[in-house]
C-alpha atoms as a PDB file:
ATOM      1  CA  MET A   1      11.017 -11.260  -6.753  1.00  0.00           C
ATOM      2  CA  LYS A   2      12.572 -10.404  -3.277  1.00  0.00           C
ATOM      3  CA  LYS A   3      10.609  -9.374  -0.121  1.00  0.00           C
ATOM      4  CA  ASP A   4      12.658  -6.257   0.170  1.00  0.00           C
ATOM      5  CA  THR A   5      11.298  -5.095  -3.150  1.00  0.00           C
ATOM      6  CA  LEU A   6       7.484  -5.784  -2.329  1.00  0.00           C
ATOM      7  CA  HIS A   7       5.237  -4.362  -0.105  1.00  0.00           C
ATOM      8  CA  LEU A   8       3.296  -6.275   2.530  1.00  0.00           C
ATOM      9  CA  LEU A   9      -0.327  -6.112   2.208  1.00  0.00           C
ATOM     10  CA  GLY A  10      -1.361  -8.238   4.898  1.00  0.00           C
ATOM     11  CA  LYS A  11      -2.298 -11.659   5.828  1.00  0.00           C
ATOM     12  CA  PHE A  12      -5.017 -14.115   4.548  1.00  0.00           C
ATOM     13  CA  SER A  13      -6.958 -14.932   7.833  1.00  0.00           C
ATOM     14  CA  LYS A  14      -9.582 -17.418   6.594  1.00  0.00           C
ATOM     15  CA  MET A  15     -11.352 -18.799   3.801  1.00  0.00           C
ATOM     16  CA  HIS A  16     -14.954 -17.223   2.453  1.00  0.00           C
ATOM     17  CA  GLY A  17     -17.286 -19.455   0.912  1.00  0.00           C
ATOM     18  CA  TYR A  18     -16.354 -22.847  -0.966  1.00  0.00           C
ATOM     19  CA  THR A  19     -14.836 -21.506  -4.489  1.00  0.00           C
ATOM     20  CA  GLY A  20     -11.254 -20.626  -3.142  1.00  0.00           C
ATOM     21  CA  ILE A  21     -12.118 -17.048  -1.994  1.00  0.00           C
ATOM     22  CA  LEU A  22      -9.896 -15.858   0.774  1.00  0.00           C
ATOM     23  CA  VAL A  23     -10.259 -12.971   3.514  1.00  0.00           C
ATOM     24  CA  LEU A  24      -7.242 -10.797   3.387  1.00  0.00           C
ATOM     25  CA  ILE A  25      -6.493  -8.473   6.474  1.00  0.00           C
ATOM     26  CA  CYS A  26      -4.414  -5.805   5.757  1.00  0.00           C
ATOM     27  CA  GLU A  27      -1.760  -3.817   7.755  1.00  0.00           C
ATOM     28  CA  ASN A  28      -3.390  -0.487   6.701  1.00  0.00           C
ATOM     29  CA  GLU A  29      -6.519   0.983   5.171  1.00  0.00           C
ATOM     30  CA  MET A  30      -6.448   0.187   1.777  1.00  0.00           C
ATOM     31  CA  ASP A  31      -6.847   2.404  -1.266  1.00  0.00           C
ATOM     32  CA  ASP A  32      -9.481   1.294  -4.019  1.00  0.00           C
ATOM     33  CA  ALA A  33      -6.747   1.142  -6.616  1.00  0.00           C
ATOM     34  CA  LEU A  34      -5.781  -2.362  -5.122  1.00  0.00           C
ATOM     35  CA  GLU A  35      -8.954  -3.626  -6.594  1.00  0.00           C
ATOM     36  CA  GLN A  36      -6.953  -3.510 -10.045  1.00  0.00           C
ATOM     37  CA  LEU A  37      -3.743  -5.519  -8.911  1.00  0.00           C
ATOM     38  CA  PRO A  38      -2.749  -7.616 -11.506  1.00  0.00           C
ATOM     39  CA  GLU A  39      -1.142 -10.197  -9.441  1.00  0.00           C
ATOM     40  CA  LEU A  40      -0.234 -10.849  -5.434  1.00  0.00           C
ATOM     41  CA  PHE A  41       2.708 -12.443  -4.093  1.00  0.00           C
ATOM     42  CA  VAL A  42       2.083 -14.957  -1.339  1.00  0.00           C
ATOM     43  CA  SER A  43       4.587 -16.071   0.979  1.00  0.00           C
ATOM     44  CA  VAL A  44       4.550 -19.994   0.904  1.00  0.00           C
ATOM     45  CA  ASP A  45       7.172 -22.111   2.950  1.00  0.00           C
ATOM     46  CA  GLY A  46       9.373 -18.965   2.699  1.00  0.00           C
ATOM     47  CA  LEU A  47       9.125 -18.566  -0.833  1.00  0.00           C
ATOM     48  CA  LEU A  48       7.453 -15.743  -2.786  1.00  0.00           C
ATOM     49  CA  VAL A  49       4.890 -17.187  -5.238  1.00  0.00           C
ATOM     50  CA  PRO A  50       3.086 -15.164  -7.612  1.00  0.00           C
ATOM     51  CA  PHE A  51      -0.575 -15.627  -8.201  1.00  0.00           C
ATOM     52  CA  PRO A  52      -2.440 -13.672 -10.755  1.00  0.00           C
ATOM     53  CA  VAL A  53      -5.700 -11.913  -9.196  1.00  0.00           C
ATOM     54  CA  GLU A  54      -9.135 -12.913 -10.642  1.00  0.00           C
ATOM     55  CA  LYS A  55     -10.776 -10.561  -8.164  1.00  0.00           C
ATOM     56  CA  PHE A  56      -9.927  -8.055  -5.405  1.00  0.00           C
ATOM     57  CA  THR A  57     -12.880  -6.842  -3.465  1.00  0.00           C
ATOM     58  CA  LEU A  58     -12.541  -4.179  -0.527  1.00  0.00           C
ATOM     59  CA  VAL A  59     -14.664  -5.183   2.389  1.00  0.00           C
ATOM     60  CA  GLY A  60     -14.251  -2.314   4.634  1.00  0.00           C
ATOM     61  CA  ASP A  61     -11.287  -0.128   5.315  1.00  0.00           C
ATOM     62  CA  SER A  62      -8.388  -3.198   6.043  1.00  0.00           C
ATOM     63  CA  ALA A  63     -10.040  -6.188   4.565  1.00  0.00           C
ATOM     64  CA  ALA A  64     -10.537  -7.568   1.265  1.00  0.00           C
ATOM     65  CA  HIS A  65     -11.936 -10.901  -0.445  1.00  0.00           C
ATOM     66  CA  VAL A  66      -9.354 -12.210  -2.867  1.00  0.00           C
ATOM     67  CA  LYS A  67      -9.954 -14.514  -5.658  1.00  0.00           C
ATOM     68  CA  LEU A  68      -6.586 -15.926  -6.879  1.00  0.00           C
ATOM     69  CA  GLU A  69      -6.182 -17.598 -10.284  1.00  0.00           C
ATOM     70  CA  PHE A  70      -5.650 -21.275  -9.901  1.00  0.00           C
ATOM     71  CA  VAL A  71      -7.037 -21.364  -6.125  1.00  0.00           C
ATOM     72  CA  ASN A  72     -10.529 -23.035  -6.904  1.00  0.00           C
ATOM     73  CA  THR A  73     -11.541 -24.879  -3.852  1.00  0.00           C
ATOM     74  CA  ARG A  74     -11.811 -24.517  -0.101  1.00  0.00           C
ATOM     75  CA  GLU A  75      -9.113 -27.130   0.073  1.00  0.00           C
ATOM     76  CA  GLU A  76      -7.000 -25.040  -2.425  1.00  0.00           C
ATOM     77  CA  ALA A  77      -7.658 -21.794  -0.082  1.00  0.00           C
ATOM     78  CA  ALA A  78      -7.067 -23.660   3.096  1.00  0.00           C
ATOM     79  CA  GLU A  79      -3.451 -24.050   2.277  1.00  0.00           C
ATOM     80  CA  LEU A  80      -3.047 -19.959   1.802  1.00  0.00           C
ATOM     81  CA  VAL A  81      -4.451 -18.970   5.126  1.00  0.00           C
ATOM     82  CA  LEU A  82      -2.262 -17.494   7.333  1.00  0.00           C
ATOM     83  CA  CYS A  83       0.254 -17.021   4.374  1.00  0.00           C
ATOM     84  CA  GLU A  84       1.477 -13.125   3.866  1.00  0.00           C
ATOM     85  CA  ALA A  85       0.537 -11.395   0.575  1.00  0.00           C
ATOM     86  CA  TYR A  86       2.829  -9.084  -0.899  1.00  0.00           C
ATOM     87  CA  ALA A  87       2.302  -6.353  -4.032  1.00  0.00           C
ATOM     88  CA  ASP A  88       4.698  -4.668  -6.221  1.00  0.00           C
ATOM     89  CA  VAL A  89       2.898  -1.476  -5.704  1.00  0.00           C
ATOM     90  CA  VAL A  90       3.016   0.960  -2.579  1.00  0.00           C
ATOM     91  CA  PRO A  91      -0.295   0.311  -0.804  1.00  0.00           C
ATOM     92  CA  LEU A  92      -1.447   3.996   0.198  1.00  0.00           C
ATOM     93  CA  PRO A  93      -3.796   4.844   2.590  1.00  0.00           C
ATOM     94  CA  THR A  94      -7.314   6.228   1.759  1.00  0.00           C
ATOM     95  CA  GLU A  95      -7.842   9.920   1.738  1.00  0.00           C
ATOM     96  CA  ALA A  96      -9.386   9.689   5.384  1.00  0.00           C
ATOM     97  CA  GLY A  97      -5.997   7.829   6.437  1.00  0.00           C
ATOM     98  CA  LEU A  98      -3.667  10.330   5.291  1.00  0.00           C
ATOM     99  CA  GLU A  99      -3.363  12.025   8.358  1.00  0.00           C
ATOM    100  CA  GLN A 100      -1.304   9.097   9.853  1.00  0.00           C
ATOM    101  CA  TRP A 101       1.456  10.763   7.778  1.00  0.00           C
ATOM    102  CA  THR A 102       1.916  13.759   9.625  1.00  0.00           C
ATOM    103  CA  GLY A 103       5.184  13.645  11.206  1.00  0.00           C
ATOM    104  CA  PHE A 104       6.718  11.461   8.074  1.00  0.00           C
ATOM    105  CA  THR A 105       9.941  12.605   6.933  1.00  0.00           C
ATOM    106  CA  VAL A 106       9.633  13.109   2.947  1.00  0.00           C
ATOM    107  CA  HIS A 107      12.684  12.295   0.781  1.00  0.00           C
ATOM    108  CA  ASP A 108      12.660  13.044  -2.906  1.00  0.00           C
ATOM    109  CA  MET A 109      14.984  10.808  -5.120  1.00  0.00           C
ATOM    110  CA  LEU A 110      16.652  13.813  -6.862  1.00  0.00           C
ATOM    111  CA  HIS A 111      16.717  16.424  -3.886  1.00  0.00           C
ATOM    112  CA  GLY A 112      17.154  14.019  -0.782  1.00  0.00           C
ATOM    113  CA  ARG A 113      15.479  15.158   2.480  1.00  0.00           C
ATOM    114  CA  ILE A 114      12.391  17.594   1.932  1.00  0.00           C
ATOM    115  CA  GLY A 115      11.615  18.125   5.457  1.00  0.00           C
ATOM    116  CA  VAL A 116       8.683  16.883   7.637  1.00  0.00           C
ATOM    117  CA  ILE A 117       5.035  16.705   6.860  1.00  0.00           C
ATOM    118  CA  ALA A 118       3.429  19.218   9.495  1.00  0.00           C
ATOM    119  CA  GLN A 119      -0.211  19.193   8.129  1.00  0.00           C
ATOM    120  CA  ILE A 120      -2.001  17.556   5.113  1.00  0.00           C
ATOM    121  CA  GLU A 121      -5.024  19.475   3.357  1.00  0.00           C
ATOM    122  CA  ASN A 122      -7.707  18.697   1.021  1.00  0.00           C
ATOM    123  CA  PHE A 123      -8.598  21.701  -1.385  1.00  0.00           C
ATOM    124  CA  ASN A 124     -11.643  20.374  -3.495  1.00  0.00           C
ATOM    125  CA  GLY A 125     -10.011  16.753  -3.703  1.00  0.00           C
ATOM    126  CA  ASN A 126      -6.239  18.069  -4.482  1.00  0.00           C
ATOM    127  CA  ILE A 127      -4.467  16.953  -1.377  1.00  0.00           C
ATOM    128  CA  VAL A 128      -1.473  19.066  -0.483  1.00  0.00           C
ATOM    129  CA  LEU A 129       1.234  18.186   1.953  1.00  0.00           C
ATOM    130  CA  GLN A 130       2.667  21.029   3.894  1.00  0.00           C
ATOM    131  CA  VAL A 131       6.247  20.041   4.430  1.00  0.00           C
ATOM    132  CA  THR A 132       8.514  21.940   6.726  1.00  0.00           C
ATOM    133  CA  ASP A 133      12.283  22.202   7.341  1.00  0.00           C
ATOM    134  CA  GLY A 134      13.045  24.638  10.075  1.00  0.00           C
ATOM    135  CA  ASP A 135      12.058  28.008   8.737  1.00  0.00           C
ATOM    136  CA  LYS A 136      11.515  26.666   5.239  1.00  0.00           C
ATOM    137  CA  GLU A 137       7.804  25.518   4.231  1.00  0.00           C
ATOM    138  CA  THR A 138       7.095  23.547   1.116  1.00  0.00           C
ATOM    139  CA  LEU A 139       3.792  22.695  -0.176  1.00  0.00           C
ATOM    140  CA  LEU A 140       3.386  19.509  -2.049  1.00  0.00           C
ATOM    141  CA  SER A 141       0.542  18.424  -4.228  1.00  0.00           C
ATOM    142  CA  PHE A 142       0.194  14.895  -3.545  1.00  0.00           C
ATOM    143  CA  HIS A 143      -0.470  12.455  -6.176  1.00  0.00           C
ATOM    144  CA  PRO A 144      -0.222   8.538  -5.415  1.00  0.00           C
ATOM    145  CA  GLU A 145       1.845   8.243  -8.278  1.00  0.00           C
ATOM    146  CA  ILE A 146       4.970  10.154  -6.939  1.00  0.00           C
ATOM    147  CA  VAL A 147       5.444   7.745  -3.952  1.00  0.00           C
ATOM    148  CA  THR A 148       8.115   5.351  -4.444  1.00  0.00           C
ATOM    149  CA  ASP A 149       8.216   3.661  -0.707  1.00  0.00           C
ATOM    150  CA  ILE A 150       6.930   4.259   2.573  1.00  0.00           C
ATOM    151  CA  ASP A 151       9.120   3.140   5.416  1.00  0.00           C
ATOM    152  CA  LYS A 152       6.665   3.203   8.516  1.00  0.00           C
ATOM    153  CA  THR A 153       9.248   1.960  11.022  1.00  0.00           C
ATOM    154  CA  CYS A 154      11.326   4.867  10.452  1.00  0.00           C
ATOM    155  CA  LYS A 155       8.394   7.028   9.166  1.00  0.00           C
ATOM    156  CA  ILE A 156       9.857   8.253   5.949  1.00  0.00           C
ATOM    157  CA  LEU A 157       7.824   8.653   2.726  1.00  0.00           C
ATOM    158  CA  TYR A 158       9.980   8.287  -0.130  1.00  0.00           C
ATOM    159  CA  ILE A 159       8.595  10.357  -3.299  1.00  0.00           C
ATOM    160  CA  ASN A 160       9.877  10.858  -6.993  1.00  0.00           C
ATOM    161  CA  ALA A 161       8.434  14.390  -7.186  1.00  0.00           C
ATOM    162  CA  PRO A 162       7.902  15.853 -10.878  1.00  0.00           C
ATOM    163  CA  GLU A 163      10.517  18.805 -12.004  1.00  0.00           C
ATOM    164  CA  GLY A 164       9.722  22.206 -10.685  1.00  0.00           C
ATOM    165  CA  ASN A 165       8.461  21.373  -7.219  1.00  0.00           C
ATOM    166  CA  PHE A 166      11.640  22.216  -5.262  1.00  0.00           C
END
């Protein structure tokens, strides 16, 4: 795996207890779906090392307790403190954190640039992005599965929208 194909979740800040559990401080708010991660890639001495995840428990909005397979002691966990953790899924913010995407440009895999997110609405659990491009307005029903990548530096949300949206 290469870093450019993975998404940075955050960094292990310290150990938690004596059984190899690590505290992961994340770059953004985390979605509950991250609790189902099968594996994390940990940057150790510049190399990405895959670790199966035994348990991933969210602690607040941007931290988690992580138990990795093969890391069973405080000493083994100490070797991973300050290492970055990556995942091969796009970490999406929680529903409460979606407003941070206002102003992001939306790019679809098939249609290219769609426009800029002007507003985000929640209609009884159905999240809708209002995307504008000049005088044109597109309403896009948001599902985490359509997101292929997020470039926070350039403020671009990459999607693969289902057919018939545009």
